[in-house]
Amino acid sequence: MSLIEKLNWRYATKKFDTAKKLSPEQLDTLLTAIQLAPSSFGLQSYKVLVVEDPAIRAQLRDAAYGQSQLTDASQVIIFASETVIDSALVNKYVDRIAEVRHMERVHLGAYEDTMVGTVNRLAEDQKMTWSNKQAYIALGVLLTAAADLGIDACPMEGFQAGKFDEILGLKALGLTTTVIAPVGFRAEDDTYSHLAKVRRPKSELFIHI
């Protein structure tokens, strides 16, 4: 199928087949796609949790208003934003650039100063908003990669972030839950999989200038 056909095929899966699991290779491909997702400055101001433990997932389901995707999917992917965004995060990233590109770190000074200046100008709430936006970009890449591989996913905001943070011990890691996406394979009797996709027509959605 073409990419457009695959995007038409995908939907926010409501019922997963509990007997079907991603292979290690499929999961690794999805995680690699997330790793390669674009982000502002390339900072990737979030981390990604891959939750498989049944007991933990049962607790997360309770904190997600009982939604079955949390326990029935193959894995639950959680995007968690960094709660401390400062010069130390930038410094670590610049160290990584120098290492990967085999550069003298001193040559990255101007770029580092630009990033530090941008980060330091933001208020704390602005930093969180900015970081959350980066996580959503990565979520979009995950959903597209999953569709390309014939893997189902369900992006979800219907959960109690504070309880997720508590269950997963995220506060101690300097993280907070932003958005989640269970992944796996649709159940044959998920009626939502047979519904026509409803989107705004191009004439209403796009403005050509």
C-alpha atoms as a PDB file:
ATOM      1  CA  MET A   1       0.000   0.000   0.000  1.00  0.00           C
ATOM      2  CA  SER A   2       1.008   3.599  -0.507  1.00  0.00           C
ATOM      3  CA  LEU A   3       1.540   5.840   2.512  1.00  0.00           C
ATOM      4  CA  ILE A   4      -1.856   7.481   1.905  1.00  0.00           C
ATOM      5  CA  GLU A   5      -3.545   4.075   1.810  1.00  0.00           C
ATOM      6  CA  LYS A   6      -1.833   3.143   5.076  1.00  0.00           C
ATOM      7  CA  LEU A   7      -2.912   6.371   6.738  1.00  0.00           C
ATOM      8  CA  ASN A   8      -6.468   5.647   5.618  1.00  0.00           C
ATOM      9  CA  TRP A   9      -6.128   2.129   7.070  1.00  0.00           C
ATOM     10  CA  ARG A  10      -4.999   3.291  10.511  1.00  0.00           C
ATOM     11  CA  TYR A  11      -7.383   4.464  13.204  1.00  0.00           C
ATOM     12  CA  ALA A  12      -7.308   5.019  16.958  1.00  0.00           C
ATOM     13  CA  THR A  13      -7.680   1.368  17.924  1.00  0.00           C
ATOM     14  CA  LYS A  14     -10.263   0.825  20.621  1.00  0.00           C
ATOM     15  CA  LYS A  15      -9.940  -2.955  21.023  1.00  0.00           C
ATOM     16  CA  PHE A  16      -6.662  -4.835  20.709  1.00  0.00           C
ATOM     17  CA  ASP A  17      -6.188  -8.555  20.098  1.00  0.00           C
ATOM     18  CA  THR A  18      -4.554  -9.738  23.326  1.00  0.00           C
ATOM     19  CA  ALA A  19      -3.101 -12.808  21.578  1.00  0.00           C
ATOM     20  CA  LYS A  20      -1.107 -10.820  19.028  1.00  0.00           C
ATOM     21  CA  LYS A  21       2.177  -9.209  20.065  1.00  0.00           C
ATOM     22  CA  LEU A  22       4.770  -7.150  18.259  1.00  0.00           C
ATOM     23  CA  SER A  23       7.930  -9.014  17.381  1.00  0.00           C
ATOM     24  CA  PRO A  24      11.159  -7.656  18.898  1.00  0.00           C
ATOM     25  CA  GLU A  25      12.095  -6.426  15.424  1.00  0.00           C
ATOM     26  CA  GLN A  26       8.798  -4.561  14.968  1.00  0.00           C
ATOM     27  CA  LEU A  27       9.103  -2.919  18.357  1.00  0.00           C
ATOM     28  CA  ASP A  28      12.687  -1.911  17.668  1.00  0.00           C
ATOM     29  CA  THR A  29      11.682  -0.349  14.355  1.00  0.00           C
ATOM     30  CA  LEU A  30       8.994   1.728  16.064  1.00  0.00           C
ATOM     31  CA  LEU A  31      11.447   2.873  18.724  1.00  0.00           C
ATOM     32  CA  THR A  32      14.022   3.761  16.084  1.00  0.00           C
ATOM     33  CA  ALA A  33      11.419   5.865  14.289  1.00  0.00           C
ATOM     34  CA  ILE A  34      10.712   7.694  17.557  1.00  0.00           C
ATOM     35  CA  GLN A  35      14.433   8.159  18.097  1.00  0.00           C
ATOM     36  CA  LEU A  36      14.705   9.796  14.661  1.00  0.00           C
ATOM     37  CA  ALA A  37      11.744  12.135  15.184  1.00  0.00           C
ATOM     38  CA  PRO A  38      12.495  15.824  14.700  1.00  0.00           C
ATOM     39  CA  SER A  39      12.497  18.173  17.676  1.00  0.00           C
ATOM     40  CA  SER A  40      13.353  21.796  18.336  1.00  0.00           C
ATOM     41  CA  PHE A  41      17.147  22.179  18.168  1.00  0.00           C
ATOM     42  CA  GLY A  42      17.261  18.360  18.227  1.00  0.00           C
ATOM     43  CA  LEU A  43      17.153  18.499  22.037  1.00  0.00           C
ATOM     44  CA  GLN A  44      14.471  15.801  22.458  1.00  0.00           C
ATOM     45  CA  SER A  45      13.350  17.200  25.805  1.00  0.00           C
ATOM     46  CA  TYR A  46      11.440  14.047  26.727  1.00  0.00           C
ATOM     47  CA  LYS A  47      11.957  10.358  27.328  1.00  0.00           C
ATOM     48  CA  VAL A  48       9.935   7.403  26.120  1.00  0.00           C
ATOM     49  CA  LEU A  49       8.814   4.546  28.343  1.00  0.00           C
ATOM     50  CA  VAL A  50       7.922   1.147  26.913  1.00  0.00           C
ATOM     51  CA  VAL A  51       5.618  -0.519  29.431  1.00  0.00           C
ATOM     52  CA  GLU A  52       5.033  -4.271  29.240  1.00  0.00           C
ATOM     53  CA  ASP A  53       4.735  -5.338  32.900  1.00  0.00           C
ATOM     54  CA  PRO A  54       1.150  -6.605  33.395  1.00  0.00           C
ATOM     55  CA  ALA A  55       0.882  -5.434  36.999  1.00  0.00           C
ATOM     56  CA  ILE A  56       2.034  -1.925  36.153  1.00  0.00           C
ATOM     57  CA  ARG A  57      -0.301  -1.803  33.178  1.00  0.00           C
ATOM     58  CA  ALA A  58      -3.251  -2.813  35.352  1.00  0.00           C
ATOM     59  CA  GLN A  59      -2.513   0.154  37.598  1.00  0.00           C
ATOM     60  CA  LEU A  60      -2.190   2.445  34.596  1.00  0.00           C
ATOM     61  CA  ARG A  61      -5.546   1.207  33.308  1.00  0.00           C
ATOM     62  CA  ASP A  62      -7.162   2.268  36.572  1.00  0.00           C
ATOM     63  CA  ALA A  63      -5.545   5.692  36.134  1.00  0.00           C
ATOM     64  CA  ALA A  64      -6.881   5.840  32.570  1.00  0.00           C
ATOM     65  CA  TYR A  65     -10.529   5.451  33.515  1.00  0.00           C
ATOM     66  CA  GLY A  66     -10.531   1.705  32.868  1.00  0.00           C
ATOM     67  CA  GLN A  67      -9.715   1.906  29.168  1.00  0.00           C
ATOM     68  CA  SER A  68      -8.847  -1.588  27.974  1.00  0.00           C
ATOM     69  CA  GLN A  69      -6.084  -0.538  25.581  1.00  0.00           C
ATOM     70  CA  LEU A  70      -3.757  -0.120  28.553  1.00  0.00           C
ATOM     71  CA  THR A  71      -3.814  -3.845  29.344  1.00  0.00           C
ATOM     72  CA  ASP A  72      -4.768  -5.425  26.008  1.00  0.00           C
ATOM     73  CA  ALA A  73      -2.233  -3.858  23.649  1.00  0.00           C
ATOM     74  CA  SER A  74       1.154  -5.411  23.005  1.00  0.00           C
ATOM     75  CA  GLN A  75       2.984  -2.498  24.641  1.00  0.00           C
ATOM     76  CA  VAL A  76       2.118   0.917  26.021  1.00  0.00           C
ATOM     77  CA  ILE A  77       4.362   3.715  24.788  1.00  0.00           C
ATOM     78  CA  ILE A  78       4.526   6.704  27.135  1.00  0.00           C
ATOM     79  CA  PHE A  79       6.025  10.060  26.206  1.00  0.00           C
ATOM     80  CA  ALA A  80       7.221  11.871  29.326  1.00  0.00           C
ATOM     81  CA  SER A  81       8.520  15.438  29.208  1.00  0.00           C
ATOM     82  CA  GLU A  82      11.565  16.584  31.120  1.00  0.00           C
ATOM     83  CA  THR A  83      10.524  18.761  34.064  1.00  0.00           C
ATOM     84  CA  VAL A  84      13.871  20.565  34.244  1.00  0.00           C
ATOM     85  CA  ILE A  85      14.897  22.211  30.989  1.00  0.00           C
ATOM     86  CA  ASP A  86      18.053  24.233  31.498  1.00  0.00           C
ATOM     87  CA  SER A  87      21.604  24.794  30.321  1.00  0.00           C
ATOM     88  CA  ALA A  88      22.645  21.365  31.627  1.00  0.00           C
ATOM     89  CA  LEU A  89      20.300  19.697  29.131  1.00  0.00           C
ATOM     90  CA  VAL A  90      21.782  21.802  26.349  1.00  0.00           C
ATOM     91  CA  ASN A  91      25.354  21.097  27.486  1.00  0.00           C
ATOM     92  CA  LYS A  92      24.749  17.348  27.379  1.00  0.00           C
ATOM     93  CA  TYR A  93      23.281  17.616  23.897  1.00  0.00           C
ATOM     94  CA  VAL A  94      26.252  19.625  22.630  1.00  0.00           C
ATOM     95  CA  ASP A  95      28.594  16.997  24.092  1.00  0.00           C
ATOM     96  CA  ARG A  96      26.673  14.422  22.053  1.00  0.00           C
ATOM     97  CA  ILE A  97      26.931  16.488  18.853  1.00  0.00           C
ATOM     98  CA  ALA A  98      30.687  16.777  19.255  1.00  0.00           C
ATOM     99  CA  GLU A  99      30.977  13.035  19.858  1.00  0.00           C
ATOM    100  CA  VAL A 100      28.789  11.894  16.959  1.00  0.00           C
ATOM    101  CA  ARG A 101      30.116  14.373  14.404  1.00  0.00           C
ATOM    102  CA  HIS A 102      33.745  14.110  15.566  1.00  0.00           C
ATOM    103  CA  MET A 103      33.998  17.841  16.154  1.00  0.00           C
ATOM    104  CA  GLU A 104      35.969  19.959  18.565  1.00  0.00           C
ATOM    105  CA  ARG A 105      33.437  21.128  21.105  1.00  0.00           C
ATOM    106  CA  VAL A 106      34.769  24.686  20.994  1.00  0.00           C
ATOM    107  CA  HIS A 107      33.403  25.025  17.440  1.00  0.00           C
ATOM    108  CA  LEU A 108      29.885  24.505  18.758  1.00  0.00           C
ATOM    109  CA  GLY A 109      30.044  27.374  21.222  1.00  0.00           C
ATOM    110  CA  ALA A 110      27.876  29.798  19.243  1.00  0.00           C
ATOM    111  CA  TYR A 111      25.178  27.177  18.675  1.00  0.00           C
ATOM    112  CA  GLU A 112      25.273  26.228  22.343  1.00  0.00           C
ATOM    113  CA  ASP A 113      24.931  29.864  23.414  1.00  0.00           C
ATOM    114  CA  THR A 114      21.915  30.277  21.116  1.00  0.00           C
ATOM    115  CA  MET A 115      20.183  27.261  22.617  1.00  0.00           C
ATOM    116  CA  VAL A 116      20.988  28.227  26.199  1.00  0.00           C
ATOM    117  CA  GLY A 117      19.749  31.760  25.566  1.00  0.00           C
ATOM    118  CA  THR A 118      16.493  30.465  24.087  1.00  0.00           C
ATOM    119  CA  VAL A 119      15.890  28.079  26.993  1.00  0.00           C
ATOM    120  CA  ASN A 120      16.736  30.639  29.654  1.00  0.00           C
ATOM    121  CA  ARG A 121      14.341  33.211  28.184  1.00  0.00           C
ATOM    122  CA  LEU A 122      11.377  30.900  28.712  1.00  0.00           C
ATOM    123  CA  ALA A 123       9.322  30.890  31.895  1.00  0.00           C
ATOM    124  CA  GLU A 124       8.865  27.486  33.509  1.00  0.00           C
ATOM    125  CA  ASP A 125       5.340  27.018  32.165  1.00  0.00           C
ATOM    126  CA  GLN A 126       6.552  27.977  28.698  1.00  0.00           C
ATOM    127  CA  LYS A 127       9.303  25.374  28.923  1.00  0.00           C
ATOM    128  CA  MET A 128       6.764  22.672  29.728  1.00  0.00           C
ATOM    129  CA  THR A 129       4.488  23.731  26.875  1.00  0.00           C
ATOM    130  CA  TRP A 130       7.450  23.712  24.496  1.00  0.00           C
ATOM    131  CA  SER A 131       8.620  20.313  25.724  1.00  0.00           C
ATOM    132  CA  ASN A 132       5.136  18.829  25.412  1.00  0.00           C
ATOM    133  CA  LYS A 133       4.949  20.009  21.811  1.00  0.00           C
ATOM    134  CA  GLN A 134       8.175  18.144  21.027  1.00  0.00           C
ATOM    135  CA  ALA A 135       6.732  14.960  22.523  1.00  0.00           C
ATOM    136  CA  TYR A 136       3.667  15.281  20.302  1.00  0.00           C
ATOM    137  CA  ILE A 137       5.877  15.538  17.223  1.00  0.00           C
ATOM    138  CA  ALA A 138       7.463  12.231  18.241  1.00  0.00           C
ATOM    139  CA  LEU A 139       3.998  10.750  18.780  1.00  0.00           C
ATOM    140  CA  GLY A 140       3.068  11.713  15.208  1.00  0.00           C
ATOM    141  CA  VAL A 141       6.159   9.938  13.894  1.00  0.00           C
ATOM    142  CA  LEU A 142       5.249   6.845  15.922  1.00  0.00           C
ATOM    143  CA  LEU A 143       1.715   6.767  14.511  1.00  0.00           C
ATOM    144  CA  THR A 144       2.958   7.126  10.938  1.00  0.00           C
ATOM    145  CA  ALA A 145       5.658   4.479  11.391  1.00  0.00           C
ATOM    146  CA  ALA A 146       3.136   2.095  12.940  1.00  0.00           C
ATOM    147  CA  ALA A 147       0.755   2.560  10.013  1.00  0.00           C
ATOM    148  CA  ASP A 148       3.590   1.940   7.579  1.00  0.00           C
ATOM    149  CA  LEU A 149       4.356  -1.361   9.327  1.00  0.00           C
ATOM    150  CA  GLY A 150       0.723  -2.458   9.603  1.00  0.00           C
ATOM    151  CA  ILE A 151       0.789  -2.007  13.373  1.00  0.00           C
ATOM    152  CA  ASP A 152      -2.144  -0.519  15.231  1.00  0.00           C
ATOM    153  CA  ALA A 153      -1.889   2.289  17.762  1.00  0.00           C
ATOM    154  CA  CYS A 154      -4.142   4.495  19.828  1.00  0.00           C
ATOM    155  CA  PRO A 155      -2.956   7.980  20.837  1.00  0.00           C
ATOM    156  CA  MET A 156      -4.530   8.793  24.181  1.00  0.00           C
ATOM    157  CA  GLU A 157      -4.898  11.820  26.452  1.00  0.00           C
ATOM    158  CA  GLY A 158      -7.634  10.328  28.620  1.00  0.00           C
ATOM    159  CA  PHE A 159      -5.602   9.519  31.702  1.00  0.00           C
ATOM    160  CA  GLN A 160      -4.605  11.075  35.008  1.00  0.00           C
ATOM    161  CA  ALA A 161      -1.058  12.286  34.455  1.00  0.00           C
ATOM    162  CA  GLY A 162      -0.312  12.703  38.163  1.00  0.00           C
ATOM    163  CA  LYS A 163      -1.260   9.098  38.889  1.00  0.00           C
ATOM    164  CA  PHE A 164       0.769   7.874  35.925  1.00  0.00           C
ATOM    165  CA  ASP A 165       3.765   9.782  37.260  1.00  0.00           C
ATOM    166  CA  GLU A 166       3.278   8.202  40.668  1.00  0.00           C
ATOM    167  CA  ILE A 167       2.871   4.641  39.365  1.00  0.00           C
ATOM    168  CA  LEU A 168       5.917   4.930  37.108  1.00  0.00           C
ATOM    169  CA  GLY A 169       8.105   6.825  39.587  1.00  0.00           C
ATOM    170  CA  LEU A 170       8.608   9.649  37.102  1.00  0.00           C
ATOM    171  CA  LYS A 171       9.039  12.502  39.574  1.00  0.00           C
ATOM    172  CA  ALA A 172      12.334  11.029  40.787  1.00  0.00           C
ATOM    173  CA  LEU A 173      13.469  10.862  37.164  1.00  0.00           C
ATOM    174  CA  GLY A 174      12.610  14.500  36.475  1.00  0.00           C
ATOM    175  CA  LEU A 175       9.806  13.517  34.105  1.00  0.00           C
ATOM    176  CA  THR A 176       6.055  13.935  33.776  1.00  0.00           C
ATOM    177  CA  THR A 177       3.621  12.072  31.533  1.00  0.00           C
ATOM    178  CA  THR A 178       2.568  13.983  28.411  1.00  0.00           C
ATOM    179  CA  VAL A 179       0.782  11.583  26.067  1.00  0.00           C
ATOM    180  CA  ILE A 180       0.519   7.815  25.582  1.00  0.00           C
ATOM    181  CA  ALA A 181      -0.002   5.350  22.723  1.00  0.00           C
ATOM    182  CA  PRO A 182      -0.714   1.662  23.227  1.00  0.00           C
ATOM    183  CA  VAL A 183       0.506  -0.348  20.206  1.00  0.00           C
ATOM    184  CA  GLY A 184      -0.380  -3.799  18.936  1.00  0.00           C
ATOM    185  CA  PHE A 185      -2.916  -5.345  16.573  1.00  0.00           C
ATOM    186  CA  ARG A 186      -6.634  -4.660  16.283  1.00  0.00           C
ATOM    187  CA  ALA A 187      -9.187  -7.225  17.374  1.00  0.00           C
ATOM    188  CA  GLU A 188     -11.299  -8.575  14.527  1.00  0.00           C
ATOM    189  CA  ASP A 189     -14.475  -7.514  16.299  1.00  0.00           C
ATOM    190  CA  ASP A 190     -13.419  -3.911  16.905  1.00  0.00           C
ATOM    191  CA  THR A 191     -16.293  -2.205  15.132  1.00  0.00           C
ATOM    192  CA  TYR A 192     -14.368   1.050  14.902  1.00  0.00           C
ATOM    193  CA  SER A 193     -11.958  -0.539  12.416  1.00  0.00           C
ATOM    194  CA  HIS A 194     -14.747  -0.781   9.828  1.00  0.00           C
ATOM    195  CA  LEU A 195     -15.961   2.798  10.050  1.00  0.00           C
ATOM    196  CA  ALA A 196     -15.228   5.249   7.251  1.00  0.00           C
ATOM    197  CA  LYS A 197     -12.605   7.803   8.190  1.00  0.00           C
ATOM    198  CA  VAL A 198     -14.102  11.241   8.744  1.00  0.00           C
ATOM    199  CA  ARG A 199     -11.914  14.269   8.088  1.00  0.00           C
ATOM    200  CA  ARG A 200     -12.573  17.832   7.011  1.00  0.00           C
ATOM    201  CA  PRO A 201     -12.633  18.144   3.215  1.00  0.00           C
ATOM    202  CA  LYS A 202      -9.522  19.649   1.663  1.00  0.00           C
ATOM    203  CA  SER A 203     -11.537  22.674   0.572  1.00  0.00           C
ATOM    204  CA  GLU A 204     -12.181  23.504   4.243  1.00  0.00           C
ATOM    205  CA  LEU A 205      -8.902  22.324   5.721  1.00  0.00           C
ATOM    206  CA  PHE A 206      -6.352  23.945   3.454  1.00  0.00           C
ATOM    207  CA  ILE A 207      -5.815  27.617   2.743  1.00  0.00           C
ATOM    208  CA  HIS A 208      -3.610  28.289  -0.274  1.00  0.00           C
ATOM    209  CA  ILE A 209      -2.005  31.729  -0.269  1.00  0.00           C
END
